[in-house]
Protein backbone atom coordinates (compact mmCIF):
# COMPACT_ATOMS: atom_id res chain seq x y z
CA MET A 1 0.00 0.00 0.00
CA ALA A 2 1.40 3.39 -1.02
CA ARG A 3 1.50 6.35 1.38
CA PHE A 4 -1.17 8.35 -0.45
CA ASP A 5 -3.53 5.55 -1.55
CA GLY A 6 -7.03 6.98 -1.87
CA ARG A 7 -5.96 10.53 -0.96
CA ILE A 8 -7.21 13.52 -2.95
CA ALA A 9 -4.40 16.00 -3.72
CA LEU A 10 -4.60 19.42 -5.39
CA VAL A 11 -1.30 20.79 -6.72
CA THR A 12 -1.07 24.38 -8.00
CA GLY A 13 1.68 25.32 -10.44
CA ALA A 14 1.41 21.78 -11.75
CA SER A 15 2.51 22.37 -15.33
CA SER A 16 6.27 22.59 -14.74
CA GLY A 17 9.20 22.38 -12.36
CA THR A 18 8.54 21.49 -8.75
CA GLY A 19 4.76 21.36 -9.21
CA SER A 20 4.99 18.81 -12.03
CA ALA A 21 7.47 16.69 -10.06
CA ILE A 22 5.21 16.73 -6.99
CA CYS A 23 2.23 15.65 -9.12
CA ALA A 24 4.24 12.72 -10.44
CA ARG A 25 5.41 11.69 -6.97
CA LEU A 26 1.95 11.92 -5.43
CA ALA A 27 0.54 9.80 -8.29
CA GLU A 28 3.31 7.22 -7.78
CA GLU A 29 2.32 7.10 -4.11
CA GLY A 30 -1.32 6.38 -5.00
CA ALA A 31 -2.96 9.81 -4.77
CA HIS A 32 -5.77 11.01 -7.00
CA VAL A 33 -3.97 14.15 -8.24
CA ILE A 34 -5.75 17.28 -9.43
CA CYS A 35 -3.19 19.22 -11.49
CA ALA A 36 -3.97 22.96 -11.45
CA ASP A 37 -2.31 25.72 -13.43
CA VAL A 38 -3.12 28.58 -15.81
CA GLY A 39 -1.95 26.39 -18.69
CA GLY A 40 -0.17 23.10 -19.32
CA ALA A 41 -1.77 21.09 -16.53
CA ALA A 42 -3.55 18.83 -19.03
CA GLU A 43 -0.21 17.55 -20.36
CA VAL A 44 0.94 16.65 -16.85
CA ALA A 45 -2.35 14.93 -15.99
CA GLY A 46 -2.20 13.10 -19.33
CA ARG A 47 1.27 11.75 -18.54
CA LEU A 48 0.09 10.60 -15.12
CA GLY A 49 -3.05 8.92 -16.47
CA PRO A 50 -6.25 8.24 -14.54
CA PRO A 51 -7.31 9.12 -11.94
CA ALA A 52 -5.25 12.33 -12.35
CA ARG A 53 -7.10 15.24 -13.90
CA ALA A 54 -6.30 18.80 -14.92
CA VAL A 55 -8.03 22.05 -14.04
CA ALA A 56 -7.32 25.53 -15.34
CA MET A 57 -6.87 27.85 -12.38
CA ASP A 58 -5.25 31.22 -11.79
CA VAL A 59 -4.46 31.18 -8.06
CA ALA A 60 -4.71 34.98 -7.94
CA ASP A 61 -8.36 34.88 -9.07
CA ALA A 62 -10.64 34.23 -6.09
CA ALA A 63 -13.57 33.17 -8.30
CA ALA A 64 -11.40 30.68 -10.22
CA VAL A 65 -10.03 29.19 -6.99
CA ARG A 66 -13.53 28.93 -5.52
CA ALA A 67 -14.84 27.25 -8.69
CA VAL A 68 -12.07 24.63 -8.64
CA LEU A 69 -12.54 23.90 -4.93
CA ASP A 70 -16.33 23.72 -5.39
CA GLY A 71 -15.65 21.20 -8.17
CA VAL A 72 -13.43 19.17 -5.86
CA ALA A 73 -16.13 19.22 -3.18
CA ALA A 74 -18.78 18.11 -5.67
CA GLY A 75 -16.64 15.52 -7.48
CA GLU A 76 -14.36 14.07 -4.83
CA GLY A 77 -16.19 15.13 -1.67
CA ARG A 78 -13.05 16.04 0.23
CA LEU A 79 -9.47 17.25 -0.08
CA ASP A 80 -6.62 15.56 1.77
CA VAL A 81 -3.55 17.35 0.38
CA LEU A 82 -2.98 20.88 -0.94
CA VAL A 83 0.40 21.76 -2.44
CA ASN A 84 0.86 25.43 -3.37
CA CYS A 85 3.60 25.53 -6.01
CA ALA A 86 2.24 28.23 -8.32
CA GLY A 87 4.53 31.23 -8.51
CA VAL A 88 6.02 33.85 -10.76
CA ASP A 89 9.34 35.65 -10.57
CA GLY A 90 8.43 38.83 -12.39
CA ALA A 91 10.80 41.10 -14.22
CA ILE A 92 14.35 41.61 -12.97
CA LEU A 93 14.73 45.36 -13.29
CA PRO A 94 15.86 48.27 -11.16
CA THR A 95 12.99 49.33 -8.90
CA ALA A 96 12.63 52.68 -10.64
CA GLU A 97 11.99 50.86 -13.95
CA LEU A 98 9.77 48.04 -12.67
CA PRO A 99 6.18 48.31 -13.94
CA GLU A 100 3.65 48.41 -11.12
CA GLU A 101 1.55 45.80 -12.95
CA ASN A 102 4.47 43.37 -12.74
CA PHE A 103 4.84 43.98 -9.01
CA ASP A 104 1.09 43.52 -8.50
CA ARG A 105 1.09 40.21 -10.42
CA VAL A 106 4.00 38.81 -8.39
CA LEU A 107 2.20 39.65 -5.13
CA ALA A 108 -1.12 38.33 -6.42
CA VAL A 109 0.29 34.94 -7.46
CA ASN A 110 2.98 34.41 -4.81
CA LEU A 111 1.22 35.84 -1.75
CA LYS A 112 -2.51 36.07 -2.40
CA GLY A 113 -2.61 32.77 -4.32
CA PRO A 114 -1.62 30.54 -1.39
CA PHE A 115 -3.95 32.52 0.88
CA LEU A 116 -6.92 31.98 -1.45
CA THR A 117 -6.25 28.27 -1.98
CA MET A 118 -5.70 27.58 1.72
CA LYS A 119 -8.76 29.63 2.68
CA GLY A 120 -10.90 27.52 0.36
CA ALA A 121 -9.20 24.19 1.02
CA ILE A 122 -9.23 24.23 4.82
CA PRO A 123 -13.02 23.73 5.13
CA LEU A 124 -12.80 20.75 2.73
CA MET A 125 -9.96 19.27 4.77
CA VAL A 126 -11.78 19.76 8.07
CA ALA A 127 -14.96 18.21 6.64
CA GLY A 128 -12.91 15.23 5.46
CA GLY A 129 -11.31 14.69 8.87
CA GLY A 130 -8.03 16.57 8.35
CA GLY A 131 -5.41 17.08 5.70
CA ARG A 132 -2.05 18.57 4.88
CA SER A 133 -1.10 21.77 3.15
CA SER A 134 2.36 22.65 1.88
CA THR A 135 3.40 25.98 0.41
CA SER A 136 6.56 26.19 -1.63
CA PRO A 137 7.53 29.84 -2.04
CA ARG A 138 9.56 30.95 -5.02
CA PRO A 139 13.05 29.47 -5.06
CA SER A 140 15.97 31.45 -3.82
CA PRO A 141 18.38 32.63 -6.51
CA ARG A 142 21.22 31.41 -4.28
CA PRO A 143 22.00 27.84 -3.29
CA PRO A 144 20.75 26.94 0.18
CA ARG A 145 23.10 27.26 3.14
CA PRO A 146 23.40 24.25 5.43
CA GLY A 147 20.62 24.46 8.00
CA SER A 148 18.85 27.28 6.15
CA GLY A 149 15.35 27.51 4.69
CA THR A 150 15.30 24.09 3.01
CA THR A 151 13.76 22.44 6.06
CA PRO A 152 9.96 22.22 6.16
CA ARG A 153 8.60 24.40 8.93
CA ARG A 154 5.33 24.04 10.77
CA ARG A 155 3.20 27.16 10.70
CA PRO A 156 2.50 28.68 14.09
CA GLY A 157 -1.11 28.61 15.17
CA TRP A 158 -1.97 25.35 13.39
CA PRO A 159 -2.91 22.80 16.02
CA SER A 160 -1.85 19.23 15.34
CA SER A 161 -4.89 17.57 16.86
CA PRO A 162 -6.75 14.91 14.87
CA GLY A 163 -9.18 16.26 12.29
CA ARG A 164 -7.27 19.52 11.87
CA PRO A 165 -5.30 20.33 8.73
CA ARG A 166 -1.54 20.72 9.09
CA SER A 167 0.58 23.10 7.08
CA SER A 168 4.27 23.45 6.30
CA THR A 169 6.48 25.65 4.18
CA ALA A 170 9.68 24.61 2.43
CA ARG A 171 11.93 27.01 0.52
CA PRO A 172 13.47 25.19 -2.42
CA ALA A 173 16.76 25.99 -4.07
CA SER A 174 16.71 27.44 -7.55
CA GLY A 175 15.38 25.28 -10.38
CA SER A 176 14.60 25.51 -14.06
CA THR A 177 11.00 26.57 -14.70
CA PRO A 178 9.42 28.79 -17.37
CA SER A 179 9.12 31.70 -14.92
CA ARG A 180 12.87 31.55 -14.18
CA GLN A 181 13.70 31.57 -17.89
CA ALA A 182 11.59 34.65 -18.73
């Protein structure tokens, strides 16, 4: 029996990089994986095969997030795992030259996105008897230092009692994704 047999997992940023790799690993471990991204998630779900499926979702759009989570509630009835991997790097420019729209998009995807998905997912997890949430912020441009932010950290204020979702954050080292190549 695999570790995630029968578990329902939603992965944002599923079309490339860390998100795609997490989808593959969860599927190998027996999870029913819902691959979510603004584009490209169908290719990942297709490679994984059933029961994986793809959904188009912009994590910065509250209505889109709500629609996907309502679909999960209606179709699967619960959510056991949420992995927030969606993220954008934005333009690398001097601050005086950085367009405000670029700054707003980075904040919307990287900060508001995990908030919106967790806000919507927590009630599904509680109703299903608990769950786990993991947020993977944008990678650091520098390699990790020994003992630095590569260790998953438990969020303060999240009780570990049965039936309650648990959350952690891990800061990955730099990787090759479309947002890093832009």
